N, C-alpha and C. Protein backbone atom coordinates (compact mmCIF):
# COMPACT_ATOMS: atom_id res chain seq x y z
N UNK A 1 39.33 32.44 -8.93
CA UNK A 1 37.98 32.41 -8.41
C UNK A 1 37.02 32.89 -9.48
N UNK A 2 35.83 32.33 -9.48
CA UNK A 2 34.79 32.70 -10.44
C UNK A 2 33.48 32.90 -9.69
N UNK A 3 32.87 34.04 -9.91
CA UNK A 3 31.53 34.29 -9.38
C UNK A 3 30.55 34.08 -10.53
N UNK A 4 29.53 33.27 -10.26
CA UNK A 4 28.50 32.99 -11.25
C UNK A 4 27.18 33.50 -10.69
N UNK A 5 26.61 34.51 -11.33
CA UNK A 5 25.31 35.04 -10.91
C UNK A 5 24.28 34.59 -11.95
N UNK A 6 23.31 33.82 -11.50
CA UNK A 6 22.30 33.27 -12.39
C UNK A 6 20.98 34.01 -12.24
N UNK A 7 20.28 34.15 -13.35
CA UNK A 7 18.92 34.67 -13.32
C UNK A 7 18.14 34.06 -14.47
N UNK A 8 16.85 33.97 -14.30
CA UNK A 8 15.99 33.40 -15.34
C UNK A 8 14.88 34.39 -15.64
N UNK A 9 14.44 34.39 -16.89
CA UNK A 9 13.34 35.26 -17.27
C UNK A 9 12.14 34.41 -17.69
N UNK A 10 11.01 35.04 -17.78
CA UNK A 10 9.78 34.34 -18.12
C UNK A 10 9.79 33.77 -19.53
N UNK A 11 10.66 34.28 -20.40
CA UNK A 11 10.69 33.78 -21.78
C UNK A 11 11.54 32.53 -21.95
N UNK A 12 12.01 31.95 -20.85
CA UNK A 12 12.78 30.71 -20.92
C UNK A 12 14.26 30.90 -21.15
N UNK A 13 14.75 32.10 -20.84
CA UNK A 13 16.18 32.37 -20.98
C UNK A 13 16.83 32.40 -19.61
N UNK A 14 17.92 31.68 -19.48
CA UNK A 14 18.73 31.74 -18.26
C UNK A 14 19.95 32.58 -18.57
N UNK A 15 20.24 33.54 -17.72
CA UNK A 15 21.39 34.42 -17.92
C UNK A 15 22.39 34.20 -16.80
N UNK A 16 23.65 34.11 -17.20
CA UNK A 16 24.74 33.95 -16.26
C UNK A 16 25.67 35.14 -16.41
N UNK A 17 25.99 35.79 -15.32
CA UNK A 17 26.99 36.85 -15.32
C UNK A 17 28.22 36.28 -14.64
N UNK A 18 29.32 36.21 -15.38
CA UNK A 18 30.55 35.62 -14.87
C UNK A 18 31.53 36.73 -14.51
N UNK A 19 32.18 36.56 -13.35
CA UNK A 19 33.19 37.51 -12.89
C UNK A 19 34.40 36.74 -12.39
N UNK A 20 35.56 37.02 -12.96
CA UNK A 20 36.79 36.37 -12.49
C UNK A 20 37.39 35.46 -13.54
N UNK A 21 37.96 34.34 -13.07
CA UNK A 21 38.69 33.42 -13.93
C UNK A 21 37.91 32.14 -14.16
N UNK A 22 37.83 31.74 -15.42
CA UNK A 22 37.19 30.47 -15.79
C UNK A 22 38.31 29.46 -15.97
N UNK A 23 38.69 28.84 -14.88
CA UNK A 23 39.81 27.90 -14.89
C UNK A 23 39.67 26.93 -13.73
N UNK A 24 40.40 25.83 -13.81
CA UNK A 24 40.43 24.86 -12.72
C UNK A 24 39.06 24.34 -12.35
N UNK A 25 38.77 24.24 -11.05
CA UNK A 25 37.49 23.67 -10.61
C UNK A 25 36.29 24.52 -10.99
N UNK A 26 36.51 25.76 -11.33
CA UNK A 26 35.39 26.65 -11.70
C UNK A 26 34.80 26.27 -13.05
N UNK A 27 35.60 25.65 -13.90
CA UNK A 27 35.09 25.20 -15.20
C UNK A 27 34.02 24.12 -14.99
N UNK A 28 34.32 23.16 -14.11
CA UNK A 28 33.35 22.10 -13.83
C UNK A 28 32.09 22.66 -13.19
N UNK A 29 32.25 23.64 -12.31
CA UNK A 29 31.08 24.26 -11.67
C UNK A 29 30.22 24.99 -12.69
N UNK A 30 30.85 25.73 -13.60
CA UNK A 30 30.11 26.43 -14.64
C UNK A 30 29.39 25.42 -15.54
N UNK A 31 30.07 24.36 -15.92
CA UNK A 31 29.47 23.34 -16.77
C UNK A 31 28.25 22.73 -16.09
N UNK A 32 28.38 22.39 -14.82
CA UNK A 32 27.26 21.81 -14.08
C UNK A 32 26.06 22.76 -14.05
N UNK A 33 26.31 24.03 -13.80
CA UNK A 33 25.24 25.01 -13.75
C UNK A 33 24.57 25.18 -15.11
N UNK A 34 25.37 25.27 -16.15
CA UNK A 34 24.83 25.45 -17.50
C UNK A 34 24.05 24.22 -17.95
N UNK A 35 24.60 23.04 -17.68
CA UNK A 35 23.93 21.80 -18.07
C UNK A 35 22.56 21.68 -17.43
N UNK A 36 22.45 22.12 -16.18
CA UNK A 36 21.16 22.05 -15.48
C UNK A 36 20.11 22.89 -16.19
N UNK A 37 20.47 24.09 -16.61
CA UNK A 37 19.51 24.96 -17.30
C UNK A 37 19.21 24.46 -18.70
N UNK A 38 20.24 24.01 -19.41
CA UNK A 38 20.04 23.50 -20.76
C UNK A 38 19.16 22.25 -20.75
N UNK A 39 19.29 21.42 -19.73
CA UNK A 39 18.47 20.21 -19.61
C UNK A 39 16.99 20.55 -19.45
N UNK A 40 16.71 21.74 -18.92
CA UNK A 40 15.32 22.20 -18.77
C UNK A 40 14.78 22.81 -20.07
N UNK A 41 15.62 22.88 -21.09
CA UNK A 41 15.20 23.46 -22.36
C UNK A 41 15.33 24.97 -22.42
N UNK A 42 16.03 25.55 -21.47
CA UNK A 42 16.21 27.01 -21.45
C UNK A 42 17.27 27.44 -22.45
N UNK A 43 17.07 28.63 -23.00
CA UNK A 43 18.14 29.27 -23.76
C UNK A 43 19.10 29.86 -22.75
N UNK A 44 20.37 29.90 -23.13
CA UNK A 44 21.39 30.32 -22.18
C UNK A 44 22.18 31.51 -22.73
N UNK A 45 22.34 32.53 -21.89
CA UNK A 45 23.15 33.69 -22.23
C UNK A 45 24.23 33.84 -21.16
N UNK A 46 25.48 33.95 -21.61
CA UNK A 46 26.61 34.13 -20.70
C UNK A 46 27.20 35.52 -20.90
N UNK A 47 27.19 36.34 -19.86
CA UNK A 47 27.77 37.67 -19.90
C UNK A 47 29.21 37.56 -19.42
N UNK A 48 30.16 37.78 -20.33
CA UNK A 48 31.57 37.60 -20.04
C UNK A 48 32.31 38.91 -19.81
N UNK A 49 31.58 39.99 -19.63
CA UNK A 49 32.19 41.31 -19.50
C UNK A 49 33.16 41.47 -18.35
N UNK A 50 33.01 40.69 -17.30
CA UNK A 50 33.87 40.80 -16.12
C UNK A 50 34.83 39.61 -15.97
N UNK A 51 35.00 38.86 -17.05
CA UNK A 51 35.92 37.72 -17.01
C UNK A 51 37.34 38.24 -17.24
N UNK A 52 38.25 37.85 -16.36
CA UNK A 52 39.63 38.33 -16.44
C UNK A 52 40.57 37.31 -17.07
N UNK A 53 40.21 36.03 -17.03
CA UNK A 53 41.08 34.99 -17.59
C UNK A 53 40.24 33.75 -17.88
N UNK A 54 40.58 33.07 -18.97
CA UNK A 54 39.95 31.80 -19.30
C UNK A 54 41.06 30.82 -19.66
N UNK A 55 41.12 29.71 -18.92
CA UNK A 55 42.10 28.67 -19.19
C UNK A 55 41.68 27.82 -20.38
N UNK A 56 42.56 26.93 -20.77
CA UNK A 56 42.30 26.06 -21.92
C UNK A 56 41.00 25.28 -21.77
N UNK A 57 40.77 24.72 -20.57
CA UNK A 57 39.55 23.94 -20.35
C UNK A 57 38.31 24.83 -20.37
N UNK A 58 38.47 26.08 -19.97
CA UNK A 58 37.36 27.04 -20.05
C UNK A 58 37.01 27.38 -21.49
N UNK A 59 38.03 27.51 -22.33
CA UNK A 59 37.80 27.77 -23.77
C UNK A 59 37.02 26.60 -24.37
N UNK A 60 37.44 25.38 -24.03
CA UNK A 60 36.74 24.20 -24.55
C UNK A 60 35.28 24.21 -24.11
N UNK A 61 35.02 24.53 -22.85
CA UNK A 61 33.65 24.58 -22.35
C UNK A 61 32.84 25.66 -23.06
N UNK A 62 33.38 26.85 -23.19
CA UNK A 62 32.64 27.93 -23.85
C UNK A 62 32.30 27.57 -25.29
N UNK A 63 33.24 26.95 -25.99
CA UNK A 63 32.96 26.52 -27.37
C UNK A 63 31.87 25.45 -27.40
N UNK A 64 31.91 24.55 -26.44
CA UNK A 64 30.86 23.52 -26.36
C UNK A 64 29.50 24.16 -26.11
N UNK A 65 29.45 25.13 -25.19
CA UNK A 65 28.19 25.79 -24.88
C UNK A 65 27.65 26.54 -26.10
N UNK A 66 28.52 27.19 -26.84
CA UNK A 66 28.09 27.89 -28.06
C UNK A 66 27.53 26.87 -29.06
N UNK A 67 28.16 25.71 -29.17
CA UNK A 67 27.66 24.68 -30.08
C UNK A 67 26.29 24.16 -29.64
N UNK A 68 25.98 24.36 -28.36
CA UNK A 68 24.67 23.96 -27.82
C UNK A 68 23.70 25.15 -27.80
N UNK A 69 24.00 26.17 -28.59
CA UNK A 69 23.13 27.34 -28.78
C UNK A 69 23.18 28.37 -27.67
N UNK A 70 24.19 28.33 -26.81
CA UNK A 70 24.36 29.39 -25.81
C UNK A 70 24.86 30.65 -26.52
N UNK A 71 24.51 31.79 -25.98
CA UNK A 71 24.93 33.08 -26.53
C UNK A 71 25.93 33.73 -25.57
N UNK A 72 27.04 34.19 -26.13
CA UNK A 72 28.05 34.90 -25.34
C UNK A 72 27.87 36.40 -25.59
N UNK A 73 27.77 37.19 -24.52
CA UNK A 73 27.65 38.63 -24.66
C UNK A 73 28.77 39.32 -23.88
N UNK A 74 29.07 40.54 -24.28
CA UNK A 74 30.12 41.34 -23.65
C UNK A 74 31.44 40.58 -23.57
N UNK A 75 31.75 39.87 -24.63
CA UNK A 75 32.95 39.04 -24.68
C UNK A 75 34.17 39.94 -24.92
N UNK A 76 35.14 39.95 -23.99
CA UNK A 76 36.34 40.76 -24.18
C UNK A 76 37.06 40.34 -25.47
N UNK A 77 37.73 41.28 -26.11
CA UNK A 77 38.40 41.00 -27.37
C UNK A 77 39.43 39.88 -27.25
N UNK A 78 40.18 39.86 -26.15
CA UNK A 78 41.18 38.79 -26.00
C UNK A 78 40.51 37.42 -25.96
N UNK A 79 39.35 37.33 -25.33
CA UNK A 79 38.64 36.06 -25.24
C UNK A 79 38.03 35.68 -26.59
N UNK A 80 37.47 36.66 -27.28
CA UNK A 80 36.92 36.39 -28.61
C UNK A 80 38.01 35.83 -29.53
N UNK A 81 39.20 36.37 -29.42
CA UNK A 81 40.32 35.88 -30.24
C UNK A 81 40.72 34.47 -29.82
N UNK A 82 40.75 34.20 -28.53
CA UNK A 82 41.06 32.84 -28.07
C UNK A 82 40.03 31.84 -28.59
N UNK A 83 38.77 32.20 -28.56
CA UNK A 83 37.72 31.32 -29.06
C UNK A 83 37.86 31.12 -30.57
N UNK A 84 38.21 32.18 -31.26
CA UNK A 84 38.39 32.09 -32.72
C UNK A 84 39.58 31.20 -33.03
N UNK A 85 40.69 31.37 -32.33
CA UNK A 85 41.88 30.58 -32.56
C UNK A 85 41.65 29.09 -32.24
N UNK A 86 40.78 28.81 -31.30
CA UNK A 86 40.52 27.42 -30.92
C UNK A 86 39.85 26.64 -32.04
N UNK A 87 39.25 27.35 -32.98
CA UNK A 87 38.58 26.71 -34.11
C UNK A 87 39.60 26.04 -35.00
N UNK A 88 40.77 26.59 -35.10
CA UNK A 88 41.79 26.10 -36.03
C UNK A 88 42.38 24.80 -35.62
């Protein structure tokens, strides 16, 4: 399960606080939510401090979002390593 808490600020930044696992159908839901904000021209910040697991498809999505100028904050070390390894 993944909880996605969204908020927007006046400076055009959308912030997402993620809690739980980024896997299965939750990857598609996160992508849909992020795409909607990015289509509006918003900058995107994803707070990953409460993420407990990210599946392969979630890693692919997070890397795609970073390539689209999203910022990842509070990224757990295990996830940072998974993202780094995915580059290879």
